[in-house]
Each structure stands twice: as C-alpha cells, then as structure tokens.
C-alpha cells in the first residue's frame, strides 16, 4: 500500500472520484495529519489481519493453559471429556 499526504483542499479536489483515489492517504491540516483515508478493500484486509492475529493469540493462550493443566495433573481421557460435554447439554 502506497501512502501519500495531502492538504484538506487537495483531498476535497482530488478524492471526489474513485478514478483519483487509490487509497492510503493522510489528510493534513496545517501540516498535521488529521485523517487517514483508505479503500474498502484495504480496510477489509486490515480487519482480516487483525482477526487472524486475535485468533493466533487465543490459540497460544489455550495452549499455555493446557500445558498448565497437564503440569498440574488436571487432565481427562477423551471419553471422560465427551461424557462431561453430554451431561452439560442436559
């Protein structure tokens, strides 16, 4: 993604059509970034990356908790786990 910077006036003039806008633009006011504009596709990619990162972190946390359970001898057979799941549904 290529990022550029432009003034508010340039943004109003240049971003009015999809032909002019390719995404990744910082809009500035008095030389200070006030707004970042991106395309819907760029935003969706960003959200997908965030979702994947959260899933990865969740799996890591589950793995660490599982290791602690095994270390503390809190474990059960697959049959026992299935029985408990069935009992919880009742």
N, C-alpha and C. Protein backbone atom coordinates (compact mmCIF):
# COMPACT_ATOMS: atom_id res chain seq x y z
N UNK A 1 0.85 -1.17 0.00
CA UNK A 1 0.00 0.00 0.00
C UNK A 1 0.90 1.23 0.00
N UNK A 2 0.68 2.08 -0.97
CA UNK A 2 1.43 3.32 -1.05
C UNK A 2 0.68 4.40 -0.28
N UNK A 3 1.39 5.13 0.58
CA UNK A 3 0.78 6.18 1.39
C UNK A 3 1.29 7.53 0.92
N UNK A 4 0.36 8.48 0.79
CA UNK A 4 0.74 9.84 0.43
C UNK A 4 0.09 10.80 1.40
N UNK A 5 0.51 12.05 1.35
CA UNK A 5 -0.02 13.09 2.22
C UNK A 5 -0.54 14.22 1.35
N UNK A 6 -1.69 14.79 1.76
CA UNK A 6 -2.23 15.92 1.01
C UNK A 6 -3.01 16.82 1.96
N UNK A 7 -3.21 18.04 1.55
CA UNK A 7 -3.96 19.01 2.35
C UNK A 7 -5.45 18.71 2.24
N UNK A 8 -6.24 19.33 3.12
CA UNK A 8 -7.69 19.14 3.06
C UNK A 8 -8.24 19.62 1.72
N UNK A 9 -7.73 20.73 1.22
CA UNK A 9 -8.20 21.26 -0.06
C UNK A 9 -7.90 20.27 -1.18
N UNK A 10 -6.67 19.74 -1.20
CA UNK A 10 -6.32 18.76 -2.22
C UNK A 10 -7.17 17.51 -2.10
N UNK A 11 -7.49 17.13 -0.86
CA UNK A 11 -8.33 15.95 -0.66
C UNK A 11 -9.72 16.18 -1.24
N UNK A 12 -10.29 17.34 -0.95
CA UNK A 12 -11.62 17.65 -1.49
C UNK A 12 -11.59 17.64 -3.01
N UNK A 13 -10.55 18.21 -3.58
CA UNK A 13 -10.46 18.30 -5.04
C UNK A 13 -10.10 16.96 -5.69
N UNK A 14 -9.23 16.22 -5.06
CA UNK A 14 -8.68 15.03 -5.71
C UNK A 14 -9.31 13.71 -5.36
N UNK A 15 -10.02 13.63 -4.25
CA UNK A 15 -10.55 12.34 -3.83
C UNK A 15 -12.04 12.18 -4.11
N UNK A 16 -12.58 13.08 -4.88
CA UNK A 16 -14.00 13.06 -5.15
C UNK A 16 -14.46 11.92 -6.02
N UNK A 17 -13.57 11.31 -6.76
CA UNK A 17 -13.95 10.20 -7.64
C UNK A 17 -13.04 9.01 -7.38
N UNK A 18 -13.56 7.85 -7.67
CA UNK A 18 -12.76 6.63 -7.47
C UNK A 18 -11.60 6.56 -8.45
N UNK A 19 -11.70 7.28 -9.57
CA UNK A 19 -10.59 7.29 -10.53
C UNK A 19 -9.35 7.94 -9.93
N UNK A 20 -9.56 8.96 -9.10
CA UNK A 20 -8.44 9.69 -8.50
C UNK A 20 -7.92 9.04 -7.22
N UNK A 21 -8.77 8.25 -6.58
CA UNK A 21 -8.40 7.72 -5.26
C UNK A 21 -7.96 6.27 -5.34
N UNK A 22 -6.74 6.03 -4.90
CA UNK A 22 -6.20 4.67 -4.88
C UNK A 22 -5.98 4.18 -3.46
N UNK A 23 -6.23 5.02 -2.46
CA UNK A 23 -6.13 4.60 -1.06
C UNK A 23 -4.84 5.03 -0.41
N UNK A 24 -4.80 4.87 0.92
CA UNK A 24 -3.61 5.17 1.68
C UNK A 24 -3.22 6.63 1.65
N UNK A 25 -4.14 7.54 2.04
CA UNK A 25 -3.86 8.97 2.00
C UNK A 25 -4.04 9.57 3.39
N UNK A 26 -3.01 10.29 3.85
CA UNK A 26 -3.13 11.10 5.06
C UNK A 26 -3.59 12.48 4.65
N UNK A 27 -4.66 12.98 5.25
CA UNK A 27 -5.14 14.33 5.00
C UNK A 27 -4.62 15.20 6.15
N UNK A 28 -3.97 16.29 5.81
CA UNK A 28 -3.34 17.12 6.82
C UNK A 28 -4.05 18.46 6.95
N UNK A 29 -3.88 19.07 8.11
CA UNK A 29 -4.36 20.42 8.36
C UNK A 29 -3.21 21.14 9.04
N UNK A 30 -2.74 22.21 8.40
CA UNK A 30 -1.58 22.95 8.89
C UNK A 30 -0.37 22.04 9.10
N UNK A 31 -0.22 21.09 8.21
CA UNK A 31 0.94 20.21 8.26
C UNK A 31 0.83 19.06 9.24
N UNK A 32 -0.31 18.92 9.91
CA UNK A 32 -0.50 17.85 10.90
C UNK A 32 -1.54 16.87 10.36
N UNK A 33 -1.23 15.58 10.43
CA UNK A 33 -2.17 14.56 9.96
C UNK A 33 -3.45 14.60 10.77
N UNK A 34 -4.57 14.76 10.09
CA UNK A 34 -5.89 14.83 10.74
C UNK A 34 -6.73 13.60 10.43
N UNK A 35 -6.47 12.95 9.30
CA UNK A 35 -7.34 11.88 8.83
C UNK A 35 -6.55 10.95 7.94
N UNK A 36 -6.86 9.66 8.01
CA UNK A 36 -6.28 8.69 7.10
C UNK A 36 -7.41 8.06 6.32
N UNK A 37 -7.32 8.09 5.00
CA UNK A 37 -8.37 7.57 4.13
C UNK A 37 -7.82 6.34 3.42
N UNK A 38 -8.64 5.27 3.42
CA UNK A 38 -8.23 4.06 2.72
C UNK A 38 -9.44 3.47 2.01
N UNK A 39 -9.18 2.60 1.06
CA UNK A 39 -10.27 1.97 0.31
C UNK A 39 -10.92 0.89 1.18
N UNK A 40 -12.12 0.48 0.78
CA UNK A 40 -12.82 -0.59 1.49
C UNK A 40 -12.02 -1.88 1.44
N UNK A 41 -11.37 -2.14 0.32
CA UNK A 41 -10.55 -3.36 0.18
C UNK A 41 -9.39 -3.32 1.17
N UNK A 42 -8.72 -2.19 1.27
CA UNK A 42 -7.61 -2.05 2.24
C UNK A 42 -8.11 -2.24 3.67
N UNK A 43 -9.26 -1.67 3.98
CA UNK A 43 -9.82 -1.81 5.33
C UNK A 43 -10.18 -3.26 5.63
N UNK A 44 -10.77 -3.95 4.66
CA UNK A 44 -11.11 -5.35 4.86
C UNK A 44 -9.87 -6.20 5.08
N UNK A 45 -8.81 -5.92 4.34
CA UNK A 45 -7.55 -6.64 4.54
C UNK A 45 -7.00 -6.38 5.94
N UNK A 46 -7.08 -5.15 6.39
CA UNK A 46 -6.62 -4.78 7.73
C UNK A 46 -7.42 -5.52 8.80
N UNK A 47 -8.74 -5.57 8.63
CA UNK A 47 -9.59 -6.27 9.59
C UNK A 47 -9.33 -7.77 9.59
N UNK A 48 -9.07 -8.35 8.41
CA UNK A 48 -8.75 -9.77 8.33
C UNK A 48 -7.44 -10.08 9.05
N UNK A 49 -6.45 -9.22 8.89
CA UNK A 49 -5.17 -9.41 9.58
C UNK A 49 -5.35 -9.32 11.09
N UNK A 50 -6.17 -8.38 11.54
CA UNK A 50 -6.44 -8.22 12.96
C UNK A 50 -7.16 -9.45 13.51
N UNK A 51 -8.15 -9.96 12.78
CA UNK A 51 -8.88 -11.16 13.20
C UNK A 51 -7.93 -12.35 13.30
N UNK A 52 -7.07 -12.52 12.31
CA UNK A 52 -6.11 -13.62 12.32
C UNK A 52 -5.15 -13.50 13.50
N UNK A 53 -4.70 -12.30 13.79
CA UNK A 53 -3.80 -12.08 14.93
C UNK A 53 -4.50 -12.42 16.25
N UNK A 54 -5.75 -12.03 16.38
CA UNK A 54 -6.51 -12.35 17.60
C UNK A 54 -6.71 -13.86 17.74
N UNK A 55 -7.01 -14.53 16.65
CA UNK A 55 -7.18 -15.98 16.69
C UNK A 55 -5.88 -16.66 17.09
N UNK A 56 -4.77 -16.19 16.54
CA UNK A 56 -3.47 -16.74 16.87
C UNK A 56 -3.16 -16.56 18.36
N UNK A 57 -3.43 -15.37 18.88
CA UNK A 57 -3.20 -15.11 20.30
C UNK A 57 -4.09 -15.97 21.17
N UNK A 58 -5.34 -16.18 20.76
CA UNK A 58 -6.26 -17.03 21.52
C UNK A 58 -5.77 -18.47 21.55
N UNK A 59 -5.31 -18.97 20.41
CA UNK A 59 -4.78 -20.34 20.37
C UNK A 59 -3.54 -20.49 21.24
N UNK A 60 -2.69 -19.48 21.23
CA UNK A 60 -1.50 -19.51 22.08
C UNK A 60 -1.89 -19.55 23.55
N UNK A 61 -2.88 -18.75 23.92
CA UNK A 61 -3.34 -18.73 25.31
C UNK A 61 -3.93 -20.09 25.71
N UNK A 62 -4.74 -20.68 24.82
CA UNK A 62 -5.29 -22.01 25.10
C UNK A 62 -4.19 -23.05 25.27
N UNK A 63 -3.17 -22.96 24.44
CA UNK A 63 -2.05 -23.89 24.54
C UNK A 63 -1.34 -23.75 25.88
N UNK A 64 -1.11 -22.52 26.30
CA UNK A 64 -0.43 -22.29 27.58
C UNK A 64 -1.29 -22.79 28.75
N UNK A 65 -2.59 -22.55 28.70
CA UNK A 65 -3.48 -23.05 29.75
C UNK A 65 -3.50 -24.57 29.77
N UNK A 66 -3.49 -25.19 28.60
CA UNK A 66 -3.47 -26.65 28.51
C UNK A 66 -2.19 -27.21 29.11
N UNK A 67 -1.06 -26.56 28.83
CA UNK A 67 0.21 -27.01 29.40
C UNK A 67 0.19 -26.93 30.92
N UNK A 68 -0.42 -25.85 31.45
CA UNK A 68 -0.53 -25.71 32.90
C UNK A 68 -1.41 -26.81 33.49
N UNK A 69 -2.52 -27.12 32.82
CA UNK A 69 -3.41 -28.18 33.29
C UNK A 69 -2.68 -29.52 33.33
N UNK A 70 -1.93 -29.82 32.29
CA UNK A 70 -1.19 -31.09 32.25
C UNK A 70 -0.15 -31.12 33.36
N UNK A 71 0.55 -30.02 33.54
CA UNK A 71 1.58 -29.93 34.59
C UNK A 71 0.96 -30.16 35.97
N UNK A 72 -0.25 -29.64 36.19
CA UNK A 72 -0.92 -29.77 37.49
C UNK A 72 -1.82 -31.00 37.56
N UNK A 73 -1.64 -31.92 36.62
CA UNK A 73 -2.35 -33.20 36.59
C UNK A 73 -3.87 -33.01 36.48
N UNK A 74 -4.29 -31.95 35.84
CA UNK A 74 -5.72 -31.73 35.58
C UNK A 74 -5.99 -32.16 34.13
N UNK A 75 -6.21 -33.45 33.98
CA UNK A 75 -6.44 -33.98 32.64
C UNK A 75 -7.49 -35.07 32.71
N UNK A 76 -8.04 -35.43 31.54
CA UNK A 76 -9.04 -36.49 31.47
C UNK A 76 -8.94 -37.17 30.12
N UNK A 77 -9.50 -38.35 30.07
CA UNK A 77 -9.50 -39.11 28.82
C UNK A 77 -10.50 -38.48 27.86
N UNK A 78 -10.36 -38.79 26.56
CA UNK A 78 -11.34 -38.28 25.59
C UNK A 78 -12.77 -38.75 25.92
N UNK A 79 -12.90 -39.96 26.41
CA UNK A 79 -14.21 -40.49 26.77
C UNK A 79 -14.83 -39.68 27.90
N UNK A 80 -14.02 -39.35 28.91
CA UNK A 80 -14.50 -38.54 30.04
C UNK A 80 -14.91 -37.15 29.57
N UNK A 81 -14.14 -36.56 28.68
CA UNK A 81 -14.47 -35.23 28.16
C UNK A 81 -15.80 -35.27 27.41
N UNK A 82 -16.02 -36.28 26.57
CA UNK A 82 -17.28 -36.41 25.84
C UNK A 82 -18.45 -36.61 26.80
N UNK A 83 -18.26 -37.45 27.84
CA UNK A 83 -19.31 -37.67 28.81
C UNK A 83 -19.70 -36.37 29.51
N UNK A 84 -18.69 -35.58 29.89
CA UNK A 84 -18.97 -34.30 30.56
C UNK A 84 -19.68 -33.33 29.63
N UNK A 85 -19.30 -33.32 28.36
CA UNK A 85 -19.98 -32.44 27.41
C UNK A 85 -21.44 -32.85 27.25
N UNK A 86 -21.69 -34.15 27.15
CA UNK A 86 -23.08 -34.64 27.00
C UNK A 86 -23.90 -34.31 28.24
N UNK A 87 -23.29 -34.47 29.41
CA UNK A 87 -24.01 -34.19 30.66
C UNK A 87 -24.32 -32.71 30.78
N UNK A 88 -23.45 -31.84 30.27
CA UNK A 88 -23.65 -30.40 30.37
C UNK A 88 -24.80 -29.95 29.48
N UNK A 89 -25.11 -30.67 28.41
CA UNK A 89 -26.19 -30.31 27.49
C UNK A 89 -27.56 -30.65 28.07
N UNK A 90 -27.62 -31.51 29.03
CA UNK A 90 -28.91 -31.97 29.59
C UNK A 90 -29.51 -30.94 30.49
